[in-house]
N, C-alpha and C. Protein backbone atom coordinates (compact mmCIF):
# COMPACT_ATOMS: atom_id res chain seq x y z
N MET A 1 0.85 -1.34 -0.05
CA MET A 1 0.02 0.25 -0.21
C MET A 1 0.83 1.19 -0.12
N GLN A 2 0.42 2.30 -0.71
CA GLN A 2 1.01 3.47 -0.75
C GLN A 2 0.06 4.72 -0.53
N LEU A 3 0.40 5.55 0.41
CA LEU A 3 -0.48 6.72 0.58
C LEU A 3 0.25 7.79 -0.41
N TYR A 4 -0.56 8.16 -1.24
CA TYR A 4 -0.18 9.33 -2.28
C TYR A 4 -0.90 10.56 -2.05
N THR A 5 -0.09 11.39 -2.03
CA THR A 5 -0.60 13.13 -1.57
C THR A 5 -0.47 13.70 -2.96
N ILE A 6 -1.39 14.65 -3.00
CA ILE A 6 -1.28 15.81 -4.12
C ILE A 6 -1.52 16.93 -3.31
N HIS A 7 -0.41 17.80 -3.57
CA HIS A 7 -0.55 19.32 -3.01
C HIS A 7 -0.75 20.22 -3.93
N GLY A 8 -1.24 21.32 -3.64
CA GLY A 8 -1.57 22.47 -4.52
C GLY A 8 -1.44 23.71 -3.87
N SER A 9 -1.24 24.75 -4.57
CA SER A 9 -1.28 26.19 -4.21
C SER A 9 -2.82 26.66 -4.07
N PHE A 10 -3.07 27.13 -3.03
CA PHE A 10 -4.33 27.68 -2.59
C PHE A 10 -4.13 28.99 -1.93
N HIS A 11 -4.33 30.22 -2.58
CA HIS A 11 -4.03 31.53 -2.01
C HIS A 11 -2.66 31.77 -1.37
N GLY A 12 -1.64 31.32 -2.39
CA GLY A 12 -0.36 31.52 -1.88
C GLY A 12 0.46 30.48 -0.96
N LYS A 13 -0.45 29.51 -0.52
CA LYS A 13 0.08 28.51 0.36
C LYS A 13 -0.11 27.07 -0.24
N PHE A 14 0.90 26.22 -0.06
CA PHE A 14 0.85 24.85 -0.69
C PHE A 14 0.24 23.70 0.44
N LEU A 15 -0.86 23.32 0.10
CA LEU A 15 -1.64 22.65 1.09
C LEU A 15 -2.07 21.15 0.57
N PRO A 16 -2.01 20.09 1.36
CA PRO A 16 -2.42 19.01 0.78
C PRO A 16 -3.85 18.82 0.29
N LEU A 17 -4.03 18.41 -0.83
CA LEU A 17 -5.51 18.55 -1.45
C LEU A 17 -6.23 17.16 -1.64
N VAL A 18 -5.31 16.32 -1.85
CA VAL A 18 -6.00 14.76 -2.29
C VAL A 18 -4.94 13.83 -1.54
N PHE A 19 -5.71 12.87 -0.68
CA PHE A 19 -5.07 11.65 -0.06
C PHE A 19 -5.63 10.39 -0.86
N VAL A 20 -4.68 9.55 -1.31
CA VAL A 20 -5.21 8.54 -2.00
C VAL A 20 -4.30 7.13 -1.47
N LEU A 21 -4.88 5.99 -1.10
CA LEU A 21 -4.35 4.73 -0.76
C LEU A 21 -4.29 4.05 -2.06
N LEU A 22 -3.08 3.72 -2.61
CA LEU A 22 -2.91 3.07 -3.83
C LEU A 22 -2.52 1.63 -3.42
N SER A 23 -2.80 0.72 -4.16
CA SER A 23 -2.52 -0.74 -3.90
C SER A 23 -1.12 -1.23 -4.56
N HIS A 24 -0.95 -0.39 -5.63
CA HIS A 24 0.42 -0.77 -6.41
C HIS A 24 0.96 0.73 -6.69
N LYS A 25 2.30 0.64 -7.22
CA LYS A 25 3.02 1.69 -7.80
C LYS A 25 3.14 1.66 -9.25
N ASP A 26 2.11 1.52 -9.92
CA ASP A 26 2.17 1.22 -11.45
C ASP A 26 1.39 2.23 -12.25
N GLU A 27 1.50 2.04 -13.47
CA GLU A 27 0.77 3.01 -14.33
C GLU A 27 -0.81 2.95 -14.20
N GLN A 28 -1.26 1.66 -14.09
CA GLN A 28 -2.56 1.31 -14.11
C GLN A 28 -3.10 1.89 -12.90
N SER A 29 -2.52 2.08 -11.54
CA SER A 29 -3.01 2.68 -10.46
C SER A 29 -3.07 4.27 -10.50
N TYR A 30 -1.92 4.68 -11.06
CA TYR A 30 -1.83 6.13 -11.24
C TYR A 30 -2.99 6.68 -12.26
N ALA A 31 -3.09 5.87 -13.30
CA ALA A 31 -4.38 6.30 -14.37
C ALA A 31 -5.53 6.21 -13.62
N ALA A 32 -5.88 5.19 -12.90
CA ALA A 32 -7.11 5.11 -12.11
C ALA A 32 -7.45 6.43 -11.14
N MET A 33 -6.34 6.68 -10.38
CA MET A 33 -6.53 7.82 -9.66
C MET A 33 -6.78 9.05 -10.30
N LEU A 34 -6.04 9.37 -11.56
CA LEU A 34 -6.04 10.55 -12.04
C LEU A 34 -7.58 10.59 -12.75
N ALA A 35 -7.95 9.51 -13.42
CA ALA A 35 -9.30 9.58 -14.00
C ALA A 35 -10.29 9.83 -12.95
N LYS A 36 -10.08 9.51 -11.59
CA LYS A 36 -11.28 9.87 -10.59
C LYS A 36 -11.03 11.28 -10.30
N ILE A 37 -9.77 11.90 -10.18
CA ILE A 37 -9.67 13.24 -10.13
C ILE A 37 -10.28 14.00 -11.18
N ARG A 38 -10.02 13.69 -12.37
CA ARG A 38 -10.67 14.37 -13.68
C ARG A 38 -11.97 14.25 -13.40
N GLU A 39 -12.68 13.29 -13.30
CA GLU A 39 -14.17 13.11 -13.04
C GLU A 39 -14.72 14.02 -11.97
N LEU A 40 -13.92 14.33 -10.70
CA LEU A 40 -14.41 15.05 -9.88
C LEU A 40 -14.13 16.45 -9.91
N CYS A 41 -13.06 16.88 -10.74
CA CYS A 41 -12.56 18.12 -11.13
C CYS A 41 -12.29 18.34 -12.65
N PRO A 42 -13.43 18.29 -13.49
CA PRO A 42 -13.22 18.50 -14.67
C PRO A 42 -12.56 19.75 -15.01
N GLY A 43 -11.86 19.82 -16.02
CA GLY A 43 -11.19 21.18 -16.47
C GLY A 43 -10.04 21.29 -15.69
N MET A 44 -9.54 20.71 -14.82
CA MET A 44 -8.31 21.06 -13.84
C MET A 44 -7.01 20.74 -14.91
N GLU A 45 -6.30 21.80 -14.94
CA GLU A 45 -4.94 21.68 -15.70
C GLU A 45 -3.91 22.39 -15.09
N PRO A 46 -3.37 21.58 -14.18
CA PRO A 46 -2.02 22.10 -13.55
C PRO A 46 -0.86 22.67 -14.31
N GLY A 47 -0.41 23.84 -13.87
CA GLY A 47 0.55 24.54 -14.63
C GLY A 47 1.94 23.69 -14.47
N ILE A 48 2.15 23.29 -13.21
CA ILE A 48 3.45 22.37 -13.05
C ILE A 48 3.01 21.51 -12.24
N ILE A 49 3.64 20.47 -12.55
CA ILE A 49 3.61 19.13 -11.74
C ILE A 49 4.97 18.75 -11.16
N LEU A 50 5.00 18.38 -9.93
CA LEU A 50 6.29 18.39 -9.26
C LEU A 50 6.10 16.97 -8.57
N THR A 51 7.02 15.74 -9.05
CA THR A 51 6.79 14.45 -8.65
C THR A 51 8.32 13.99 -8.15
N ASP A 52 8.29 12.55 -7.75
CA ASP A 52 9.46 12.15 -7.55
C ASP A 52 9.95 11.41 -8.88
N PHE A 53 10.76 10.54 -8.78
CA PHE A 53 11.48 9.91 -10.13
C PHE A 53 10.53 8.76 -10.54
N GLU A 54 9.59 8.60 -10.12
CA GLU A 54 8.80 7.37 -10.53
C GLU A 54 8.26 7.33 -11.80
N LYS A 55 8.86 6.42 -12.69
CA LYS A 55 8.60 6.42 -14.13
C LYS A 55 7.24 6.26 -14.34
N GLY A 56 6.29 5.41 -13.66
CA GLY A 56 4.99 5.18 -14.03
C GLY A 56 4.01 6.48 -13.75
N ALA A 57 4.57 7.20 -12.76
CA ALA A 57 3.74 8.46 -12.47
C ALA A 57 4.04 9.53 -13.32
N LEU A 58 5.17 9.54 -13.81
CA LEU A 58 5.70 10.64 -14.76
C LEU A 58 4.90 10.41 -16.28
N ASN A 59 4.73 9.14 -16.62
CA ASN A 59 4.17 8.77 -17.85
C ASN A 59 2.59 8.92 -17.81
N VAL A 60 1.94 8.72 -16.86
CA VAL A 60 0.46 8.89 -16.50
C VAL A 60 0.24 10.59 -16.37
N TYR A 61 0.99 11.19 -15.64
CA TYR A 61 0.78 12.56 -15.77
C TYR A 61 1.10 13.27 -16.97
N LYS A 62 1.91 12.91 -17.78
CA LYS A 62 2.01 13.35 -19.10
C LYS A 62 1.01 13.16 -19.84
N GLN A 63 0.23 11.80 -19.88
CA GLN A 63 -0.85 11.28 -20.67
C GLN A 63 -1.98 12.31 -20.14
N TYR A 64 -2.30 12.52 -18.81
CA TYR A 64 -3.34 13.34 -18.61
C TYR A 64 -3.28 14.74 -18.48
N PHE A 65 -2.17 15.18 -18.49
CA PHE A 65 -1.82 16.51 -18.42
C PHE A 65 -0.79 17.06 -19.41
N PRO A 66 -1.14 16.76 -20.60
CA PRO A 66 0.19 17.22 -21.59
C PRO A 66 0.52 18.48 -21.70
N THR A 67 -0.19 19.65 -21.35
CA THR A 67 0.22 20.79 -21.44
C THR A 67 0.86 21.27 -20.01
N SER A 68 0.91 20.51 -19.02
CA SER A 68 1.46 20.87 -17.75
C SER A 68 2.94 20.63 -17.85
N GLN A 69 3.74 21.27 -17.23
CA GLN A 69 5.21 21.34 -17.05
C GLN A 69 5.42 20.44 -16.10
N GLN A 70 6.29 19.20 -16.45
CA GLN A 70 6.72 18.31 -15.26
C GLN A 70 8.15 18.55 -14.83
N LYS A 71 8.14 18.54 -13.49
CA LYS A 71 9.49 18.64 -12.94
C LYS A 71 9.62 17.50 -11.86
N CYS A 72 10.80 17.29 -11.45
CA CYS A 72 11.21 16.20 -10.72
C CYS A 72 11.75 16.79 -9.52
N CYS A 73 11.35 16.45 -8.26
CA CYS A 73 11.82 16.91 -6.98
C CYS A 73 13.16 16.83 -6.51
N PHE A 74 13.87 17.99 -6.27
CA PHE A 74 15.26 17.85 -5.88
C PHE A 74 15.57 17.23 -4.71
N PHE A 75 14.64 17.25 -3.66
CA PHE A 75 14.83 16.22 -2.53
C PHE A 75 14.83 14.89 -2.98
N HIS A 76 14.02 14.47 -3.64
CA HIS A 76 13.94 13.16 -4.29
C HIS A 76 15.24 12.69 -4.95
N LEU A 77 15.74 13.54 -5.56
CA LEU A 77 17.07 13.30 -6.53
C LEU A 77 18.06 13.18 -5.58
N LEU A 78 18.21 14.13 -4.48
CA LEU A 78 19.29 13.72 -3.43
C LEU A 78 19.15 12.47 -2.60
N LEU A 79 18.01 12.07 -2.27
CA LEU A 79 17.73 10.70 -1.67
C LEU A 79 18.33 9.62 -2.72
N LEU A 80 17.91 9.70 -4.16
CA LEU A 80 18.35 8.74 -5.17
C LEU A 80 19.76 8.61 -5.06
N LEU A 81 20.40 9.92 -5.19
CA LEU A 81 21.89 9.68 -5.36
C LEU A 81 22.61 9.18 -4.19
N LYS A 82 21.87 9.70 -2.89
CA LYS A 82 22.54 9.17 -1.61
C LYS A 82 22.24 7.67 -1.68
N GLY A 83 21.24 7.00 -1.97
CA GLY A 83 20.95 5.58 -2.07
C GLY A 83 21.90 4.67 -3.04
N ASP A 84 22.26 5.53 -4.17
CA ASP A 84 23.17 5.03 -5.09
C ASP A 84 24.87 5.19 -4.56
N MET A 85 24.81 6.00 -3.50
CA MET A 85 26.37 6.03 -3.23
C MET A 85 26.58 5.24 -2.03
N ASN A 86 25.67 4.70 -1.41
CA ASN A 86 25.62 3.80 -0.30
C ASN A 86 25.94 2.18 -0.73
């Protein structure tokens, strides 16, 4: 199980907006999550999407929000590099 959170900017502050329990870290799970979010929030088009380096999530966000700019989190990059060095 994975607790997946989505944060967004609201009146100049970043707040957790969505909490989802995902059974798998795969494209199918991320696609189901984003399909439900799209159903609940039609027309939502984030300007920037900031994620970790999980390929499945990156692919699905690109599919669902093709005009959004995707960026990877610097903190997660440091964790990835630290893990590779140990």
